[in-house]
């Protein structure tokens, strides 16, 4: 996954960059004919600022390409979405087993156990996502400086 960003400050190997957060509607050909596109145009674009480590010879005003591994991003998304879901389903099954064997006097205990499983899945995902190795993998890196100049054609 790649994104364009502009260098705003450089100090030693610390590079500050900003990038515009784009709406999904901004890239569509039908943006002028669509209600969602009109709403997206009404709100100002947001800027995302990051401070990154880089050994590339960048200077203020350069346009750089930031990159993030697709595999790491997908793995992170799987963990965030599926750990709570699997926790909920597993604990719901355990709760149903307890209800069927009359270990729980009421179905409400099974529901509470299911919610607890979902919460434990959430806690596990949060712990996994906040580990230093995972944070390092999910930090964008400056891949290259954009040196291509787009030619201006005269009409």
C-alpha atoms as a PDB file:
ATOM      1  CA  UNK A   1       0.000   0.000   0.000  1.00  0.00           C
ATOM      2  CA  UNK A   2       1.452   3.340  -1.052  1.00  0.00           C
ATOM      3  CA  UNK A   3       0.511   6.957  -0.392  1.00  0.00           C
ATOM      4  CA  UNK A   4       1.910  10.319  -1.453  1.00  0.00           C
ATOM      5  CA  UNK A   5       3.096  12.702   1.265  1.00  0.00           C
ATOM      6  CA  UNK A   6       4.892  16.045   1.426  1.00  0.00           C
ATOM      7  CA  UNK A   7       7.972  16.617   3.566  1.00  0.00           C
ATOM      8  CA  UNK A   8       7.422  19.539   5.946  1.00  0.00           C
ATOM      9  CA  UNK A   9      10.434  19.279   8.275  1.00  0.00           C
ATOM     10  CA  UNK A  10      13.749  17.418   8.331  1.00  0.00           C
ATOM     11  CA  UNK A  11      16.052  17.147  11.327  1.00  0.00           C
ATOM     12  CA  UNK A  12      18.850  14.552  11.393  1.00  0.00           C
ATOM     13  CA  UNK A  13      17.092  11.367  10.262  1.00  0.00           C
ATOM     14  CA  UNK A  14      13.670  12.460  11.556  1.00  0.00           C
ATOM     15  CA  UNK A  15      11.386  13.423   8.666  1.00  0.00           C
ATOM     16  CA  UNK A  16       7.999  15.044   9.262  1.00  0.00           C
ATOM     17  CA  UNK A  17       5.498  14.457   6.466  1.00  0.00           C
ATOM     18  CA  UNK A  18       1.871  15.369   5.848  1.00  0.00           C
ATOM     19  CA  UNK A  19      -0.630  13.620   3.657  1.00  0.00           C
ATOM     20  CA  UNK A  20      -4.218  14.434   2.781  1.00  0.00           C
ATOM     21  CA  UNK A  21      -6.793  11.954   4.033  1.00  0.00           C
ATOM     22  CA  UNK A  22      -9.004  11.392   1.023  1.00  0.00           C
ATOM     23  CA  UNK A  23     -12.628  10.388   0.969  1.00  0.00           C
ATOM     24  CA  UNK A  24     -13.472   7.279  -1.035  1.00  0.00           C
ATOM     25  CA  UNK A  25     -15.823   9.463  -3.041  1.00  0.00           C
ATOM     26  CA  UNK A  26     -13.091  11.838  -4.217  1.00  0.00           C
ATOM     27  CA  UNK A  27     -11.675   9.367  -6.728  1.00  0.00           C
ATOM     28  CA  UNK A  28     -14.897   8.391  -8.445  1.00  0.00           C
ATOM     29  CA  UNK A  29     -15.806   9.623 -11.929  1.00  0.00           C
ATOM     30  CA  UNK A  30     -19.389  10.329 -10.830  1.00  0.00           C
ATOM     31  CA  UNK A  31     -18.472  12.617  -7.918  1.00  0.00           C
ATOM     32  CA  UNK A  32     -20.386  15.557  -9.428  1.00  0.00           C
ATOM     33  CA  UNK A  33     -23.568  13.509  -9.969  1.00  0.00           C
ATOM     34  CA  UNK A  34     -23.675  11.677  -6.654  1.00  0.00           C
ATOM     35  CA  UNK A  35     -25.171  12.774  -3.333  1.00  0.00           C
ATOM     36  CA  UNK A  36     -22.399  11.133  -1.320  1.00  0.00           C
ATOM     37  CA  UNK A  37     -19.803  12.847  -3.490  1.00  0.00           C
ATOM     38  CA  UNK A  38     -21.415  16.222  -2.860  1.00  0.00           C
ATOM     39  CA  UNK A  39     -21.380  15.617   0.884  1.00  0.00           C
ATOM     40  CA  UNK A  40     -17.704  14.571   0.714  1.00  0.00           C
ATOM     41  CA  UNK A  41     -16.856  17.770  -1.193  1.00  0.00           C
ATOM     42  CA  UNK A  42     -18.635  19.889   1.441  1.00  0.00           C
ATOM     43  CA  UNK A  43     -16.296  18.837   4.237  1.00  0.00           C
ATOM     44  CA  UNK A  44     -12.684  20.014   4.235  1.00  0.00           C
ATOM     45  CA  UNK A  45      -9.974  17.427   3.656  1.00  0.00           C
ATOM     46  CA  UNK A  46      -8.006  16.409   6.709  1.00  0.00           C
ATOM     47  CA  UNK A  47      -4.245  16.229   6.893  1.00  0.00           C
ATOM     48  CA  UNK A  48      -2.371  13.410   8.558  1.00  0.00           C
ATOM     49  CA  UNK A  49       1.070  14.209   9.966  1.00  0.00           C
ATOM     50  CA  UNK A  50       3.749  11.642  10.757  1.00  0.00           C
ATOM     51  CA  UNK A  51       7.341  11.723  11.943  1.00  0.00           C
ATOM     52  CA  UNK A  52       9.363   8.933  10.344  1.00  0.00           C
ATOM     53  CA  UNK A  53      12.950   7.691  10.362  1.00  0.00           C
ATOM     54  CA  UNK A  54      14.662   7.860   6.969  1.00  0.00           C
ATOM     55  CA  UNK A  55      18.178   7.802   5.576  1.00  0.00           C
ATOM     56  CA  UNK A  56      17.035   9.134   2.196  1.00  0.00           C
ATOM     57  CA  UNK A  57      18.283  12.620   1.220  1.00  0.00           C
ATOM     58  CA  UNK A  58      14.914  14.367   1.503  1.00  0.00           C
ATOM     59  CA  UNK A  59      14.394  18.091   1.847  1.00  0.00           C
ATOM     60  CA  UNK A  60      11.434  20.255   2.796  1.00  0.00           C
ATOM     61  CA  UNK A  61       8.875  20.397  -0.005  1.00  0.00           C
ATOM     62  CA  UNK A  62       9.777  17.009  -1.534  1.00  0.00           C
ATOM     63  CA  UNK A  63       6.958  14.673  -2.409  1.00  0.00           C
ATOM     64  CA  UNK A  64       7.694  11.192  -1.110  1.00  0.00           C
ATOM     65  CA  UNK A  65       5.985   7.854  -1.396  1.00  0.00           C
ATOM     66  CA  UNK A  66       5.156   6.182   1.898  1.00  0.00           C
ATOM     67  CA  UNK A  67       4.687   2.431   1.981  1.00  0.00           C
ATOM     68  CA  UNK A  68       3.111  -0.085   4.290  1.00  0.00           C
ATOM     69  CA  UNK A  69       3.219  -3.836   3.853  1.00  0.00           C
ATOM     70  CA  UNK A  70      -0.120  -5.221   2.660  1.00  0.00           C
ATOM     71  CA  UNK A  71       0.504  -8.468   4.539  1.00  0.00           C
ATOM     72  CA  UNK A  72       1.023  -6.699   7.863  1.00  0.00           C
ATOM     73  CA  UNK A  73      -2.046  -4.544   7.329  1.00  0.00           C
ATOM     74  CA  UNK A  74      -4.244  -7.537   6.471  1.00  0.00           C
ATOM     75  CA  UNK A  75      -2.904  -9.553   9.394  1.00  0.00           C
ATOM     76  CA  UNK A  76      -3.687  -6.671  11.725  1.00  0.00           C
ATOM     77  CA  UNK A  77      -7.222  -6.332  10.318  1.00  0.00           C
ATOM     78  CA  UNK A  78      -7.846 -10.068  10.749  1.00  0.00           C
ATOM     79  CA  UNK A  79      -6.771  -9.903  14.382  1.00  0.00           C
ATOM     80  CA  UNK A  80      -8.835  -6.822  15.198  1.00  0.00           C
ATOM     81  CA  UNK A  81     -12.017  -8.188  13.628  1.00  0.00           C
ATOM     82  CA  UNK A  82     -11.774 -11.918  14.217  1.00  0.00           C
ATOM     83  CA  UNK A  83     -10.391 -12.256  17.758  1.00  0.00           C
ATOM     84  CA  UNK A  84     -13.490 -10.663  19.338  1.00  0.00           C
ATOM     85  CA  UNK A  85     -15.785 -12.570  16.970  1.00  0.00           C
ATOM     86  CA  UNK A  86     -14.156 -15.925  17.715  1.00  0.00           C
ATOM     87  CA  UNK A  87     -14.193 -15.146  21.447  1.00  0.00           C
ATOM     88  CA  UNK A  88     -17.901 -14.351  21.279  1.00  0.00           C
ATOM     89  CA  UNK A  89     -18.748 -17.502  19.290  1.00  0.00           C
ATOM     90  CA  UNK A  90     -16.600 -19.808  21.428  1.00  0.00           C
ATOM     91  CA  UNK A  91     -17.944 -18.495  24.736  1.00  0.00           C
ATOM     92  CA  UNK A  92     -21.500 -18.579  23.344  1.00  0.00           C
ATOM     93  CA  UNK A  93     -20.972 -22.272  22.603  1.00  0.00           C
ATOM     94  CA  UNK A  94     -19.648 -22.879  26.112  1.00  0.00           C
ATOM     95  CA  UNK A  95     -22.612 -20.946  27.545  1.00  0.00           C
ATOM     96  CA  UNK A  96     -25.041 -23.010  25.453  1.00  0.00           C
ATOM     97  CA  UNK A  97     -23.382 -26.213  26.671  1.00  0.00           C
ATOM     98  CA  UNK A  98     -23.799 -25.072  30.277  1.00  0.00           C
ATOM     99  CA  UNK A  99     -27.450 -24.171  29.659  1.00  0.00           C
ATOM    100  CA  UNK A 100     -28.181 -27.535  28.000  1.00  0.00           C
ATOM    101  CA  UNK A 101     -26.624 -29.408  30.922  1.00  0.00           C
ATOM    102  CA  UNK A 102     -28.520 -27.271  33.461  1.00  0.00           C
ATOM    103  CA  UNK A 103     -25.322 -25.790  34.873  1.00  0.00           C
ATOM    104  CA  UNK A 104     -26.728 -22.309  34.266  1.00  0.00           C
ATOM    105  CA  UNK A 105     -30.198 -21.652  35.668  1.00  0.00           C
ATOM    106  CA  UNK A 106     -31.088 -19.035  33.039  1.00  0.00           C
ATOM    107  CA  UNK A 107     -30.140 -18.176  29.445  1.00  0.00           C
ATOM    108  CA  UNK A 108     -29.048 -14.728  30.542  1.00  0.00           C
ATOM    109  CA  UNK A 109     -25.893 -16.285  32.005  1.00  0.00           C
ATOM    110  CA  UNK A 110     -25.078 -17.694  28.562  1.00  0.00           C
ATOM    111  CA  UNK A 111     -25.513 -14.251  26.998  1.00  0.00           C
ATOM    112  CA  UNK A 112     -23.271 -12.704  29.655  1.00  0.00           C
ATOM    113  CA  UNK A 113     -20.663 -15.401  29.005  1.00  0.00           C
ATOM    114  CA  UNK A 114     -20.840 -14.635  25.247  1.00  0.00           C
ATOM    115  CA  UNK A 115     -20.289 -10.922  25.834  1.00  0.00           C
ATOM    116  CA  UNK A 116     -17.385 -11.771  28.140  1.00  0.00           C
ATOM    117  CA  UNK A 117     -15.855 -13.894  25.353  1.00  0.00           C
ATOM    118  CA  UNK A 118     -16.170 -11.045  22.876  1.00  0.00           C
ATOM    119  CA  UNK A 119     -14.575  -8.668  25.361  1.00  0.00           C
ATOM    120  CA  UNK A 120     -11.703 -11.088  26.037  1.00  0.00           C
ATOM    121  CA  UNK A 121     -11.148 -11.364  22.270  1.00  0.00           C
ATOM    122  CA  UNK A 122     -11.055  -7.569  22.085  1.00  0.00           C
ATOM    123  CA  UNK A 123      -8.500  -7.406  24.942  1.00  0.00           C
ATOM    124  CA  UNK A 124      -6.355 -10.056  23.240  1.00  0.00           C
ATOM    125  CA  UNK A 125      -6.461  -8.181  19.918  1.00  0.00           C
ATOM    126  CA  UNK A 126      -5.617  -4.893  21.631  1.00  0.00           C
ATOM    127  CA  UNK A 127      -2.670  -6.478  23.442  1.00  0.00           C
ATOM    128  CA  UNK A 128      -1.408  -8.061  20.227  1.00  0.00           C
ATOM    129  CA  UNK A 129      -1.755  -4.774  18.296  1.00  0.00           C
ATOM    130  CA  UNK A 130       0.067  -2.711  20.918  1.00  0.00           C
ATOM    131  CA  UNK A 131       3.150  -4.939  21.008  1.00  0.00           C
ATOM    132  CA  UNK A 132       6.348  -3.120  19.964  1.00  0.00           C
ATOM    133  CA  UNK A 133       7.083  -5.561  17.128  1.00  0.00           C
ATOM    134  CA  UNK A 134       3.599  -5.124  15.665  1.00  0.00           C
ATOM    135  CA  UNK A 135       3.800  -1.322  15.950  1.00  0.00           C
ATOM    136  CA  UNK A 136       7.135  -1.375  14.117  1.00  0.00           C
ATOM    137  CA  UNK A 137       5.646  -3.479  11.300  1.00  0.00           C
ATOM    138  CA  UNK A 138       2.667  -1.106  10.958  1.00  0.00           C
ATOM    139  CA  UNK A 139       4.739   2.080  10.809  1.00  0.00           C
ATOM    140  CA  UNK A 140       4.899   3.464   7.269  1.00  0.00           C
ATOM    141  CA  UNK A 141       8.304   3.863   5.672  1.00  0.00           C
ATOM    142  CA  UNK A 142       9.523   6.345   3.082  1.00  0.00           C
ATOM    143  CA  UNK A 143      10.067   4.195   0.021  1.00  0.00           C
ATOM    144  CA  UNK A 144      11.335   6.793  -2.424  1.00  0.00           C
ATOM    145  CA  UNK A 145      11.352  10.437  -3.364  1.00  0.00           C
ATOM    146  CA  UNK A 146       9.010  11.237  -6.212  1.00  0.00           C
ATOM    147  CA  UNK A 147      11.284  12.660  -8.888  1.00  0.00           C
ATOM    148  CA  UNK A 148       8.965  12.419 -11.870  1.00  0.00           C
ATOM    149  CA  UNK A 149       7.833  15.760 -13.173  1.00  0.00           C
ATOM    150  CA  UNK A 150       4.459  15.606 -14.866  1.00  0.00           C
ATOM    151  CA  UNK A 151       4.779  17.408 -18.196  1.00  0.00           C
ATOM    152  CA  UNK A 152       2.359  20.234 -18.839  1.00  0.00           C
ATOM    153  CA  UNK A 153       0.851  20.019 -22.309  1.00  0.00           C
ATOM    154  CA  UNK A 154      -0.272  23.187 -23.973  1.00  0.00           C
ATOM    155  CA  UNK A 155      -3.633  23.232 -25.679  1.00  0.00           C
END
